[in-house]
């Protein structure tokens, strides 16, 4: 199997964490993508060209959740799977988490536009992030956040790590102590340590990440 990724994409990170947690890292070749470039190796397999992209058994899987579902299927690691179709409470929470992840990713992307960035849009996303943090802290306080490494918990941890990396909410751990405690425990896992986003990476792996 081949998994295309960029270092700071939270979407690709979810797939990379899943590979490690499923115990199949040696069976998956992880290949850096060169997004927004004509020589992007992903384009040899998918016209979409984004990350994560998983190539396996003659198939090309591009949506993060589907990539994780495939990894769970081939590895037999059912703990990676998200909620069942009839588990509406879990589905509700997953939707809120993915919306939070999108808000963080949008802010990173908009900030990189330099003089062209919209401060109005950044403010909208900042407010969305803050609302999500309040909701997620309430979930954490009630013990309702899922155990790691379920899809939605990996997505949440990836969003929080990226938000912290870019200092979008410097005081969030003080304001949302239950959520911070949940995140602290998750962050110590090997899969999270080995896939951490890093500021100052090379241009191809960070600036050109079209999923951030």
N, C-alpha and C. Protein backbone atom coordinates (compact mmCIF):
# COMPACT_ATOMS: atom_id res chain seq x y z
N UNK A 1 0.83 -1.20 0.00
CA UNK A 1 0.00 0.00 0.00
C UNK A 1 0.87 1.25 0.00
N UNK A 2 0.37 2.27 -0.65
CA UNK A 2 1.05 3.57 -0.69
C UNK A 2 0.11 4.61 -0.09
N UNK A 3 0.64 5.40 0.83
CA UNK A 3 -0.14 6.48 1.43
C UNK A 3 0.57 7.80 1.17
N UNK A 4 -0.07 8.66 0.41
CA UNK A 4 0.48 9.98 0.12
C UNK A 4 -0.01 10.97 1.18
N UNK A 5 0.91 11.83 1.62
CA UNK A 5 0.60 12.74 2.72
C UNK A 5 1.44 14.01 2.59
N UNK A 6 1.09 15.03 3.35
CA UNK A 6 1.97 16.16 3.61
C UNK A 6 2.07 16.30 5.12
N UNK A 7 3.21 16.73 5.58
CA UNK A 7 3.52 16.70 7.01
C UNK A 7 2.51 17.43 7.88
N UNK A 8 2.02 18.57 7.44
CA UNK A 8 1.17 19.39 8.29
C UNK A 8 -0.31 19.31 7.96
N UNK A 9 -0.70 18.39 7.10
CA UNK A 9 -2.12 18.23 6.83
C UNK A 9 -2.77 17.43 7.95
N UNK A 10 -3.75 18.01 8.66
CA UNK A 10 -4.40 17.25 9.72
C UNK A 10 -5.22 16.09 9.17
N UNK A 11 -5.68 16.23 7.92
CA UNK A 11 -6.46 15.17 7.29
C UNK A 11 -5.57 13.96 6.99
N UNK A 12 -4.41 14.22 6.43
CA UNK A 12 -3.47 13.14 6.17
C UNK A 12 -2.95 12.55 7.48
N UNK A 13 -2.83 13.39 8.49
CA UNK A 13 -2.33 12.90 9.77
C UNK A 13 -3.26 11.85 10.36
N UNK A 14 -4.55 12.04 10.20
CA UNK A 14 -5.52 11.06 10.71
C UNK A 14 -5.23 9.69 10.11
N UNK A 15 -4.96 9.65 8.81
CA UNK A 15 -4.66 8.39 8.14
C UNK A 15 -3.34 7.81 8.62
N UNK A 16 -2.35 8.66 8.82
CA UNK A 16 -1.03 8.19 9.27
C UNK A 16 -1.10 7.63 10.68
N UNK A 17 -1.88 8.27 11.54
CA UNK A 17 -2.08 7.75 12.90
C UNK A 17 -2.77 6.39 12.84
N UNK A 18 -3.76 6.28 11.96
CA UNK A 18 -4.49 5.01 11.82
C UNK A 18 -3.55 3.88 11.41
N UNK A 19 -2.63 4.16 10.50
CA UNK A 19 -1.66 3.16 10.05
C UNK A 19 -0.82 2.66 11.22
N UNK A 20 -0.36 3.58 12.05
CA UNK A 20 0.47 3.21 13.20
C UNK A 20 -0.34 2.44 14.23
N UNK A 21 -1.52 2.95 14.55
CA UNK A 21 -2.35 2.31 15.57
C UNK A 21 -2.83 0.93 15.13
N UNK A 22 -2.97 0.74 13.83
CA UNK A 22 -3.41 -0.55 13.31
C UNK A 22 -2.28 -1.56 13.24
N UNK A 23 -1.05 -1.10 13.46
CA UNK A 23 0.10 -2.00 13.46
C UNK A 23 0.54 -2.44 12.08
N UNK A 24 0.25 -1.62 11.06
CA UNK A 24 0.62 -2.02 9.69
C UNK A 24 1.60 -1.04 9.05
N UNK A 25 2.33 -0.29 9.87
CA UNK A 25 3.24 0.73 9.34
C UNK A 25 4.26 0.14 8.37
N UNK A 26 4.72 -1.08 8.63
CA UNK A 26 5.73 -1.69 7.75
C UNK A 26 5.15 -2.10 6.41
N UNK A 27 3.83 -2.18 6.32
CA UNK A 27 3.18 -2.60 5.08
C UNK A 27 2.72 -1.42 4.23
N UNK A 28 2.90 -0.22 4.76
CA UNK A 28 2.42 0.97 4.06
C UNK A 28 3.60 1.89 3.76
N UNK A 29 3.82 2.17 2.49
CA UNK A 29 4.85 3.12 2.07
C UNK A 29 4.26 4.52 2.12
N UNK A 30 4.80 5.36 2.98
CA UNK A 30 4.30 6.72 3.10
C UNK A 30 5.14 7.65 2.22
N UNK A 31 4.46 8.33 1.31
CA UNK A 31 5.15 9.13 0.28
C UNK A 31 4.73 10.60 0.39
N UNK A 32 5.68 11.52 0.57
CA UNK A 32 5.34 12.95 0.62
C UNK A 32 4.75 13.42 -0.70
N UNK A 33 3.68 14.17 -0.62
CA UNK A 33 3.06 14.74 -1.80
C UNK A 33 3.64 16.12 -2.10
N UNK A 34 3.47 16.58 -3.32
CA UNK A 34 3.92 17.91 -3.74
C UNK A 34 2.70 18.65 -4.27
N UNK A 35 1.83 19.02 -3.36
CA UNK A 35 0.55 19.60 -3.77
C UNK A 35 0.71 20.91 -4.52
N UNK A 36 -0.21 21.12 -5.45
CA UNK A 36 -0.25 22.30 -6.31
C UNK A 36 0.96 22.38 -7.24
N UNK A 37 1.57 21.23 -7.53
CA UNK A 37 2.67 21.19 -8.49
C UNK A 37 2.38 20.14 -9.54
N UNK A 38 2.85 20.40 -10.75
CA UNK A 38 2.60 19.46 -11.85
C UNK A 38 3.31 18.13 -11.65
N UNK A 39 4.37 18.12 -10.84
CA UNK A 39 5.10 16.88 -10.61
C UNK A 39 4.67 16.19 -9.31
N UNK A 40 3.50 16.53 -8.82
CA UNK A 40 2.96 15.88 -7.63
C UNK A 40 2.79 14.39 -7.91
N UNK A 41 3.44 13.51 -7.15
CA UNK A 41 3.34 12.07 -7.41
C UNK A 41 1.93 11.52 -7.25
N UNK A 42 1.08 12.21 -6.50
CA UNK A 42 -0.30 11.75 -6.33
C UNK A 42 -1.03 11.73 -7.66
N UNK A 43 -0.66 12.64 -8.56
CA UNK A 43 -1.35 12.76 -9.85
C UNK A 43 -1.15 11.54 -10.73
N UNK A 44 -0.18 10.73 -10.44
CA UNK A 44 0.00 9.48 -11.19
C UNK A 44 -1.12 8.49 -10.88
N UNK A 45 -1.82 8.73 -9.78
CA UNK A 45 -2.87 7.80 -9.36
C UNK A 45 -4.26 8.44 -9.29
N UNK A 46 -4.30 9.74 -9.01
CA UNK A 46 -5.58 10.41 -8.83
C UNK A 46 -5.55 11.80 -9.44
N UNK A 47 -6.57 12.15 -10.24
CA UNK A 47 -6.62 13.50 -10.81
C UNK A 47 -6.90 14.56 -9.75
N UNK A 48 -7.42 14.15 -8.60
CA UNK A 48 -7.72 15.10 -7.53
C UNK A 48 -6.43 15.65 -6.93
N UNK A 49 -5.46 14.78 -6.71
CA UNK A 49 -4.14 15.21 -6.27
C UNK A 49 -4.01 15.67 -4.85
N UNK A 50 -4.97 15.34 -4.00
CA UNK A 50 -4.90 15.82 -2.62
C UNK A 50 -4.51 14.69 -1.67
N UNK A 51 -4.29 15.08 -0.41
CA UNK A 51 -3.94 14.11 0.62
C UNK A 51 -5.03 14.09 1.70
N UNK A 52 -5.19 12.91 2.34
CA UNK A 52 -4.46 11.67 2.08
C UNK A 52 -5.02 10.94 0.87
N UNK A 53 -4.15 10.26 0.18
CA UNK A 53 -4.54 9.36 -0.90
C UNK A 53 -3.89 8.01 -0.62
N UNK A 54 -4.72 6.98 -0.58
CA UNK A 54 -4.24 5.62 -0.33
C UNK A 54 -4.41 4.80 -1.60
N UNK A 55 -3.32 4.16 -2.02
CA UNK A 55 -3.35 3.29 -3.21
C UNK A 55 -3.14 1.87 -2.72
N UNK A 56 -4.12 1.02 -2.99
CA UNK A 56 -4.04 -0.37 -2.51
C UNK A 56 -4.96 -1.26 -3.33
N UNK A 57 -4.47 -2.43 -3.68
CA UNK A 57 -5.28 -3.44 -4.39
C UNK A 57 -5.91 -2.87 -5.66
N UNK A 58 -5.17 -2.02 -6.37
CA UNK A 58 -5.68 -1.46 -7.60
C UNK A 58 -6.70 -0.35 -7.40
N UNK A 59 -6.93 0.04 -6.16
CA UNK A 59 -7.90 1.11 -5.86
C UNK A 59 -7.18 2.36 -5.39
N UNK A 60 -7.83 3.50 -5.59
CA UNK A 60 -7.32 4.78 -5.11
C UNK A 60 -8.40 5.39 -4.21
N UNK A 61 -8.08 5.53 -2.93
CA UNK A 61 -9.05 6.03 -1.95
C UNK A 61 -8.58 7.39 -1.47
N UNK A 62 -9.45 8.40 -1.56
CA UNK A 62 -9.01 9.76 -1.31
C UNK A 62 -9.64 10.45 -0.11
N UNK A 63 -10.82 10.06 0.33
CA UNK A 63 -11.45 10.74 1.46
C UNK A 63 -10.92 10.17 2.77
N UNK A 64 -10.60 11.06 3.69
CA UNK A 64 -9.95 10.64 4.93
C UNK A 64 -10.69 9.53 5.65
N UNK A 65 -11.98 9.69 5.82
CA UNK A 65 -12.74 8.69 6.55
C UNK A 65 -12.73 7.34 5.83
N UNK A 66 -12.81 7.38 4.52
CA UNK A 66 -12.78 6.13 3.75
C UNK A 66 -11.41 5.48 3.84
N UNK A 67 -10.37 6.30 3.86
CA UNK A 67 -9.01 5.77 4.00
C UNK A 67 -8.89 5.03 5.34
N UNK A 68 -9.40 5.64 6.40
CA UNK A 68 -9.33 5.00 7.71
C UNK A 68 -10.17 3.73 7.75
N UNK A 69 -11.32 3.76 7.12
CA UNK A 69 -12.17 2.56 7.08
C UNK A 69 -11.46 1.42 6.35
N UNK A 70 -10.74 1.73 5.27
CA UNK A 70 -10.01 0.70 4.54
C UNK A 70 -8.89 0.14 5.41
N UNK A 71 -8.17 1.02 6.09
CA UNK A 71 -7.08 0.58 6.97
C UNK A 71 -7.63 -0.33 8.07
N UNK A 72 -8.78 0.04 8.62
CA UNK A 72 -9.40 -0.79 9.65
C UNK A 72 -9.79 -2.16 9.10
N UNK A 73 -10.28 -2.17 7.87
CA UNK A 73 -10.72 -3.43 7.26
C UNK A 73 -9.56 -4.38 6.99
N UNK A 74 -8.47 -3.86 6.41
CA UNK A 74 -7.35 -4.73 6.05
C UNK A 74 -6.54 -5.16 7.26
N UNK A 75 -6.60 -4.37 8.33
CA UNK A 75 -5.81 -4.68 9.52
C UNK A 75 -6.61 -5.45 10.57
N UNK A 76 -7.92 -5.40 10.45
CA UNK A 76 -8.76 -6.03 11.46
C UNK A 76 -8.84 -5.22 12.74
N UNK A 77 -8.41 -3.97 12.68
CA UNK A 77 -8.39 -3.11 13.87
C UNK A 77 -9.71 -2.33 13.94
N UNK A 78 -10.72 -2.95 14.50
CA UNK A 78 -12.04 -2.35 14.52
C UNK A 78 -12.12 -1.08 15.38
N UNK A 79 -11.15 -0.91 16.27
CA UNK A 79 -11.17 0.27 17.13
C UNK A 79 -10.98 1.57 16.35
N UNK A 80 -10.55 1.47 15.09
CA UNK A 80 -10.38 2.66 14.27
C UNK A 80 -11.70 3.17 13.70
N UNK A 81 -12.71 2.30 13.69
CA UNK A 81 -13.95 2.65 13.03
C UNK A 81 -14.73 3.69 13.81
N UNK A 82 -15.47 4.48 13.08
CA UNK A 82 -16.33 5.47 13.71
C UNK A 82 -17.64 4.85 14.13
N UNK A 83 -18.63 5.69 14.41
CA UNK A 83 -19.92 5.19 14.91
C UNK A 83 -20.67 4.36 13.87
N UNK A 84 -21.48 3.44 14.35
CA UNK A 84 -22.36 2.69 13.47
C UNK A 84 -23.42 3.62 12.90
N UNK A 85 -24.05 3.20 11.83
CA UNK A 85 -25.02 4.05 11.16
C UNK A 85 -26.18 4.44 12.07
N UNK A 86 -26.47 3.64 13.09
CA UNK A 86 -27.60 3.93 13.98
C UNK A 86 -27.19 4.60 15.27
N UNK A 87 -25.90 4.93 15.40
CA UNK A 87 -25.42 5.59 16.62
C UNK A 87 -25.43 7.10 16.39
N UNK A 88 -26.58 7.70 16.53
CA UNK A 88 -26.73 9.10 16.16
C UNK A 88 -26.03 10.04 17.12
N UNK A 89 -25.87 9.65 18.37
CA UNK A 89 -25.15 10.49 19.32
C UNK A 89 -23.69 10.63 18.91
N UNK A 90 -23.07 9.51 18.54
CA UNK A 90 -21.67 9.54 18.10
C UNK A 90 -21.53 10.28 16.77
N UNK A 91 -22.50 10.08 15.89
CA UNK A 91 -22.47 10.75 14.60
C UNK A 91 -22.58 12.27 14.79
N UNK A 92 -23.43 12.68 15.72
CA UNK A 92 -23.57 14.10 16.04
C UNK A 92 -22.22 14.67 16.49
N UNK A 93 -21.56 13.98 17.41
CA UNK A 93 -20.28 14.47 17.92
C UNK A 93 -19.23 14.52 16.82
N UNK A 94 -19.20 13.49 15.98
CA UNK A 94 -18.22 13.46 14.89
C UNK A 94 -18.40 14.65 13.97
N UNK A 95 -19.63 15.02 13.68
CA UNK A 95 -19.90 16.17 12.82
C UNK A 95 -19.36 17.46 13.41
N UNK A 96 -19.54 17.64 14.73
CA UNK A 96 -19.02 18.84 15.38
C UNK A 96 -17.49 18.87 15.34
N UNK A 97 -16.88 17.71 15.55
CA UNK A 97 -15.42 17.64 15.55
C UNK A 97 -14.86 17.95 14.16
N UNK A 98 -15.47 17.39 13.13
CA UNK A 98 -14.98 17.64 11.77
C UNK A 98 -15.18 19.11 11.38
N UNK A 99 -16.27 19.72 11.88
CA UNK A 99 -16.47 21.14 11.63
C UNK A 99 -15.39 21.98 12.30
N UNK A 100 -14.99 21.58 13.50
CA UNK A 100 -13.90 22.26 14.21
C UNK A 100 -12.59 22.09 13.45
N UNK A 101 -12.32 20.89 12.98
CA UNK A 101 -11.10 20.64 12.20
C UNK A 101 -11.08 21.51 10.95
N UNK A 102 -12.20 21.62 10.27
CA UNK A 102 -12.28 22.46 9.07
C UNK A 102 -12.01 23.92 9.39
N UNK A 103 -12.51 24.39 10.54
CA UNK A 103 -12.31 25.79 10.93
C UNK A 103 -10.83 26.08 11.17
N UNK A 104 -10.15 25.16 11.87
CA UNK A 104 -8.71 25.35 12.13
C UNK A 104 -7.94 25.32 10.81
N UNK A 105 -8.26 24.35 9.95
CA UNK A 105 -7.56 24.23 8.67
C UNK A 105 -7.78 25.46 7.81
N UNK A 106 -8.99 26.00 7.81
CA UNK A 106 -9.28 27.19 7.01
C UNK A 106 -8.46 28.37 7.49
N UNK A 107 -8.34 28.53 8.82
CA UNK A 107 -7.56 29.65 9.35
C UNK A 107 -6.09 29.55 8.94
N UNK A 108 -5.55 28.34 8.96
CA UNK A 108 -4.16 28.17 8.53
C UNK A 108 -4.02 28.56 7.06
N UNK A 109 -4.94 28.08 6.27
CA UNK A 109 -4.90 28.33 4.82
C UNK A 109 -5.05 29.82 4.53
N UNK A 110 -5.97 30.47 5.23
CA UNK A 110 -6.22 31.90 4.97
C UNK A 110 -5.04 32.75 5.43
N UNK A 111 -4.43 32.40 6.55
CA UNK A 111 -3.27 33.14 7.04
C UNK A 111 -2.13 33.13 6.03
N UNK A 112 -2.01 32.04 5.27
CA UNK A 112 -0.91 31.91 4.32
C UNK A 112 -1.10 32.78 3.07
N UNK A 113 -2.25 33.42 2.95
CA UNK A 113 -2.49 34.27 1.79
C UNK A 113 -1.82 35.63 1.94
N UNK A 114 -1.16 35.86 3.07
CA UNK A 114 -0.41 37.10 3.24
C UNK A 114 -1.29 38.32 3.13
N UNK A 115 -0.91 39.25 2.26
CA UNK A 115 -1.65 40.50 2.12
C UNK A 115 -3.05 40.28 1.54
N UNK A 116 -3.29 39.14 0.93
CA UNK A 116 -4.59 38.85 0.33
C UNK A 116 -5.58 38.23 1.31
N UNK A 117 -5.11 37.91 2.50
CA UNK A 117 -5.98 37.22 3.44
C UNK A 117 -7.11 38.13 3.91
N UNK A 118 -8.22 37.51 4.27
CA UNK A 118 -9.39 38.24 4.74
C UNK A 118 -9.45 38.17 6.26
N UNK A 119 -9.24 39.28 6.91
CA UNK A 119 -9.33 39.31 8.37
C UNK A 119 -10.76 39.05 8.83
N UNK A 120 -11.72 39.42 8.01
CA UNK A 120 -13.12 39.17 8.35
C UNK A 120 -13.39 37.66 8.39
N UNK A 121 -12.90 36.94 7.38
CA UNK A 121 -13.09 35.48 7.35
C UNK A 121 -12.34 34.80 8.49
N UNK A 122 -11.14 35.29 8.76
CA UNK A 122 -10.36 34.72 9.87
C UNK A 122 -11.10 34.91 11.18
N UNK A 123 -11.74 36.07 11.36
CA UNK A 123 -12.49 36.33 12.58
C UNK A 123 -13.70 35.40 12.69
N UNK A 124 -14.35 35.14 11.56
CA UNK A 124 -15.49 34.22 11.54
C UNK A 124 -15.06 32.82 11.99
N UNK A 125 -13.92 32.37 11.46
CA UNK A 125 -13.43 31.03 11.81
C UNK A 125 -12.93 30.98 13.25
N UNK A 126 -12.36 32.09 13.73
CA UNK A 126 -11.90 32.14 15.12
C UNK A 126 -13.08 31.99 16.07
N UNK A 127 -14.19 32.62 15.74
CA UNK A 127 -15.38 32.51 16.57
C UNK A 127 -15.95 31.10 16.49
N UNK A 128 -15.89 30.50 15.32
CA UNK A 128 -16.37 29.12 15.18
C UNK A 128 -15.52 28.18 16.03
N UNK A 129 -14.20 28.38 15.99
CA UNK A 129 -13.30 27.55 16.80
C UNK A 129 -13.63 27.69 18.28
N UNK A 130 -13.87 28.90 18.72
CA UNK A 130 -14.15 29.13 20.13
C UNK A 130 -15.45 28.45 20.55
N UNK A 131 -16.47 28.53 19.70
CA UNK A 131 -17.73 27.85 20.00
C UNK A 131 -17.53 26.34 20.09
N UNK A 132 -16.73 25.82 19.18
CA UNK A 132 -16.46 24.38 19.16
C UNK A 132 -15.69 23.95 20.40
N UNK A 133 -14.72 24.76 20.82
CA UNK A 133 -13.95 24.43 22.00
C UNK A 133 -14.85 24.36 23.23
N UNK A 134 -15.79 25.27 23.34
CA UNK A 134 -16.72 25.25 24.47
C UNK A 134 -17.56 23.98 24.45
N UNK A 135 -18.06 23.63 23.28
CA UNK A 135 -18.85 22.41 23.14
C UNK A 135 -18.02 21.17 23.49
N UNK A 136 -16.81 21.10 22.96
CA UNK A 136 -15.96 19.94 23.18
C UNK A 136 -15.50 19.84 24.63
N UNK A 137 -15.31 20.97 25.29
CA UNK A 137 -14.95 20.94 26.70
C UNK A 137 -16.10 20.38 27.54
N UNK A 138 -17.31 20.74 27.16
CA UNK A 138 -18.48 20.20 27.84
C UNK A 138 -18.57 18.69 27.65
N UNK A 139 -18.29 18.24 26.42
CA UNK A 139 -18.28 16.80 26.14
C UNK A 139 -17.21 16.11 26.97
N UNK A 140 -16.03 16.71 27.04
CA UNK A 140 -14.94 16.13 27.82
C UNK A 140 -15.28 16.09 29.31
N UNK A 141 -15.91 17.14 29.80
CA UNK A 141 -16.29 17.21 31.22
C UNK A 141 -17.26 16.10 31.58
N UNK A 142 -18.12 15.75 30.62
CA UNK A 142 -19.10 14.70 30.85
C UNK A 142 -18.60 13.31 30.51
N UNK A 143 -17.30 13.21 30.17
CA UNK A 143 -16.73 11.92 29.81
C UNK A 143 -17.28 11.36 28.52
N UNK A 144 -17.71 12.24 27.63
CA UNK A 144 -18.37 11.80 26.40
C UNK A 144 -17.44 11.73 25.18
N UNK A 145 -16.21 12.23 25.31
CA UNK A 145 -15.29 12.13 24.18
C UNK A 145 -14.83 10.68 24.05
N UNK A 146 -14.76 10.22 22.81
CA UNK A 146 -14.43 8.81 22.58
C UNK A 146 -12.98 8.51 22.91
N UNK A 147 -12.73 7.26 23.21
CA UNK A 147 -11.36 6.82 23.47
C UNK A 147 -10.57 6.82 22.17
N UNK A 148 -9.29 6.98 22.29
CA UNK A 148 -8.37 6.96 21.15
C UNK A 148 -8.11 5.51 20.77
N UNK A 149 -7.96 5.13 19.49
CA UNK A 149 -7.86 5.98 18.31
C UNK A 149 -9.08 5.92 17.38
N UNK A 150 -10.29 6.02 17.89
CA UNK A 150 -11.46 6.11 17.04
C UNK A 150 -11.31 7.32 16.12
N UNK A 151 -11.84 7.21 14.91
CA UNK A 151 -11.67 8.24 13.89
C UNK A 151 -11.91 9.65 14.42
N UNK A 152 -13.03 9.85 15.09
CA UNK A 152 -13.35 11.21 15.54
C UNK A 152 -12.39 11.71 16.61
N UNK A 153 -11.85 10.82 17.43
CA UNK A 153 -10.90 11.26 18.45
C UNK A 153 -9.56 11.64 17.82
N UNK A 154 -9.15 10.92 16.78
CA UNK A 154 -7.92 11.27 16.07
C UNK A 154 -8.10 12.61 15.37
N UNK A 155 -9.27 12.81 14.77
CA UNK A 155 -9.55 14.08 14.10
C UNK A 155 -9.49 15.24 15.09
N UNK A 156 -10.06 15.04 16.27
CA UNK A 156 -10.05 16.10 17.28
C UNK A 156 -8.63 16.39 17.76
N UNK A 157 -7.87 15.36 18.06
CA UNK A 157 -6.49 15.56 18.52
C UNK A 157 -5.66 16.26 17.46
N UNK A 158 -5.87 15.92 16.20
CA UNK A 158 -5.12 16.55 15.10
C UNK A 158 -5.48 18.03 14.98
N UNK A 159 -6.76 18.34 15.14
CA UNK A 159 -7.20 19.73 15.07
C UNK A 159 -6.62 20.55 16.22
N UNK A 160 -6.65 20.00 17.42
CA UNK A 160 -6.11 20.71 18.58
C UNK A 160 -4.62 20.95 18.45
N UNK A 161 -3.90 19.94 17.94
CA UNK A 161 -2.45 20.08 17.78
C UNK A 161 -2.12 21.16 16.76
N UNK A 162 -2.86 21.20 15.66
CA UNK A 162 -2.61 22.20 14.63
C UNK A 162 -2.96 23.60 15.14
N UNK A 163 -4.06 23.69 15.87
CA UNK A 163 -4.46 24.97 16.45
C UNK A 163 -3.38 25.49 17.40
N UNK A 164 -2.85 24.59 18.21
CA UNK A 164 -1.82 24.98 19.17
C UNK A 164 -0.52 25.35 18.46
N UNK A 165 -0.18 24.62 17.41
CA UNK A 165 1.03 24.91 16.65
C UNK A 165 1.03 26.34 16.12
N UNK A 166 -0.14 26.80 15.68
CA UNK A 166 -0.25 28.14 15.11
C UNK A 166 -0.71 29.19 16.12
N UNK A 167 -0.79 28.80 17.40
CA UNK A 167 -1.13 29.74 18.47
C UNK A 167 -2.44 30.49 18.21
N UNK A 168 -3.44 29.76 17.71
CA UNK A 168 -4.71 30.41 17.42
C UNK A 168 -5.50 30.75 18.68
N UNK A 169 -5.31 29.97 19.73
CA UNK A 169 -6.01 30.21 20.99
C UNK A 169 -5.06 29.91 22.13
N UNK A 170 -4.12 30.82 22.40
CA UNK A 170 -3.04 30.56 23.35
C UNK A 170 -3.48 30.13 24.74
N UNK A 171 -4.66 30.58 25.18
CA UNK A 171 -5.11 30.28 26.54
C UNK A 171 -6.14 29.15 26.59
N UNK A 172 -6.25 28.38 25.52
CA UNK A 172 -7.33 27.40 25.48
C UNK A 172 -7.21 26.33 26.57
N UNK A 173 -6.00 25.95 26.94
CA UNK A 173 -5.84 24.91 27.96
C UNK A 173 -6.27 25.40 29.34
N UNK A 174 -6.15 26.69 29.57
CA UNK A 174 -6.60 27.26 30.84
C UNK A 174 -8.11 27.41 30.86
N UNK A 175 -8.66 27.80 29.71
CA UNK A 175 -10.10 28.03 29.62
C UNK A 175 -10.90 26.73 29.56
N UNK A 176 -10.31 25.71 28.95
CA UNK A 176 -11.04 24.46 28.73
C UNK A 176 -10.24 23.30 29.32
N UNK A 177 -10.27 23.21 30.62
CA UNK A 177 -9.38 22.29 31.33
C UNK A 177 -9.71 20.82 31.06
N UNK A 178 -10.96 20.47 30.95
CA UNK A 178 -11.34 19.08 30.71
C UNK A 178 -10.85 18.62 29.34
N UNK A 179 -11.04 19.47 28.35
CA UNK A 179 -10.58 19.15 27.00
C UNK A 179 -9.06 19.08 26.96
N UNK A 180 -8.40 19.99 27.67
CA UNK A 180 -6.94 20.00 27.72
C UNK A 180 -6.40 18.73 28.35
N UNK A 181 -7.08 18.24 29.38
CA UNK A 181 -6.64 17.01 30.05
C UNK A 181 -6.78 15.81 29.11
N UNK A 182 -7.88 15.77 28.38
CA UNK A 182 -8.09 14.70 27.39
C UNK A 182 -6.98 14.75 26.34
N UNK A 183 -6.69 15.93 25.86
CA UNK A 183 -5.68 16.10 24.81
C UNK A 183 -4.29 15.74 25.32
N UNK A 184 -3.98 16.10 26.53
CA UNK A 184 -2.67 15.80 27.11
C UNK A 184 -2.41 14.30 27.14
N UNK A 185 -3.41 13.55 27.52
CA UNK A 185 -3.26 12.09 27.58
C UNK A 185 -3.06 11.51 26.19
N UNK A 186 -3.82 12.00 25.22
CA UNK A 186 -3.74 11.50 23.85
C UNK A 186 -2.40 11.85 23.21
N UNK A 187 -1.90 13.04 23.51
CA UNK A 187 -0.68 13.54 22.86
C UNK A 187 0.56 12.71 23.16
N UNK A 188 0.52 11.96 24.22
CA UNK A 188 1.69 11.17 24.60
C UNK A 188 1.82 9.87 23.82
N UNK A 189 0.81 9.52 23.06
CA UNK A 189 0.85 8.27 22.31
C UNK A 189 1.91 8.34 21.20
N UNK A 190 2.51 7.20 20.92
CA UNK A 190 3.56 7.13 19.90
C UNK A 190 3.05 7.63 18.55
N UNK A 191 1.84 7.24 18.19
CA UNK A 191 1.30 7.62 16.88
C UNK A 191 1.16 9.12 16.75
N UNK A 192 0.86 9.81 17.85
CA UNK A 192 0.74 11.26 17.81
C UNK A 192 2.11 11.91 17.78
N UNK A 193 3.04 11.37 18.54
CA UNK A 193 4.39 11.92 18.57
C UNK A 193 5.08 11.80 17.22
N UNK A 194 4.89 10.69 16.55
CA UNK A 194 5.58 10.44 15.28
C UNK A 194 4.96 11.20 14.10
N UNK A 195 3.78 11.76 14.28
CA UNK A 195 3.12 12.45 13.17
C UNK A 195 2.86 13.93 13.46
N UNK A 196 3.53 14.48 14.44
CA UNK A 196 3.28 15.86 14.83
C UNK A 196 3.57 16.83 13.70
N UNK A 197 2.71 17.85 13.53
CA UNK A 197 3.00 18.90 12.54
C UNK A 197 4.15 19.75 13.03
N UNK A 198 4.88 20.34 12.09
CA UNK A 198 6.07 21.12 12.45
C UNK A 198 6.11 22.41 11.64
N UNK A 199 6.24 23.54 12.32
CA UNK A 199 6.42 24.81 11.61
C UNK A 199 7.80 24.86 10.98
N UNK A 200 7.91 25.51 9.83
CA UNK A 200 9.20 25.71 9.21
C UNK A 200 9.66 24.56 8.34
N UNK A 201 8.72 23.63 8.00
CA UNK A 201 9.09 22.55 7.09
C UNK A 201 9.31 23.13 5.70
N UNK A 202 9.83 22.31 4.78
CA UNK A 202 10.13 22.81 3.44
C UNK A 202 8.86 23.23 2.73
N UNK A 203 9.01 24.07 1.75
CA UNK A 203 7.87 24.70 1.08
C UNK A 203 6.89 23.69 0.51
N UNK A 204 7.40 22.65 -0.13
CA UNK A 204 6.53 21.68 -0.77
C UNK A 204 5.63 20.97 0.24
N UNK A 205 6.15 20.71 1.43
CA UNK A 205 5.39 19.91 2.38
C UNK A 205 4.43 20.73 3.23
N UNK A 206 4.64 22.06 3.29
CA UNK A 206 3.79 22.86 4.14
C UNK A 206 3.00 23.89 3.35
N UNK A 207 3.68 24.81 2.72
CA UNK A 207 3.00 25.90 2.04
C UNK A 207 2.05 25.41 0.96
N UNK A 208 2.42 24.33 0.31
CA UNK A 208 1.61 23.83 -0.79
C UNK A 208 0.63 22.74 -0.37
N UNK A 209 0.31 22.67 0.89
CA UNK A 209 -0.62 21.65 1.34
C UNK A 209 -2.03 22.11 1.06
N UNK A 210 -2.70 21.50 0.06
CA UNK A 210 -4.03 21.98 -0.32
C UNK A 210 -5.14 21.44 0.56
N UNK A 211 -4.82 20.71 1.63
CA UNK A 211 -5.84 20.30 2.58
C UNK A 211 -5.71 21.08 3.88
N UNK A 212 -4.87 22.10 3.90
CA UNK A 212 -4.81 22.95 5.09
C UNK A 212 -5.22 24.36 4.68
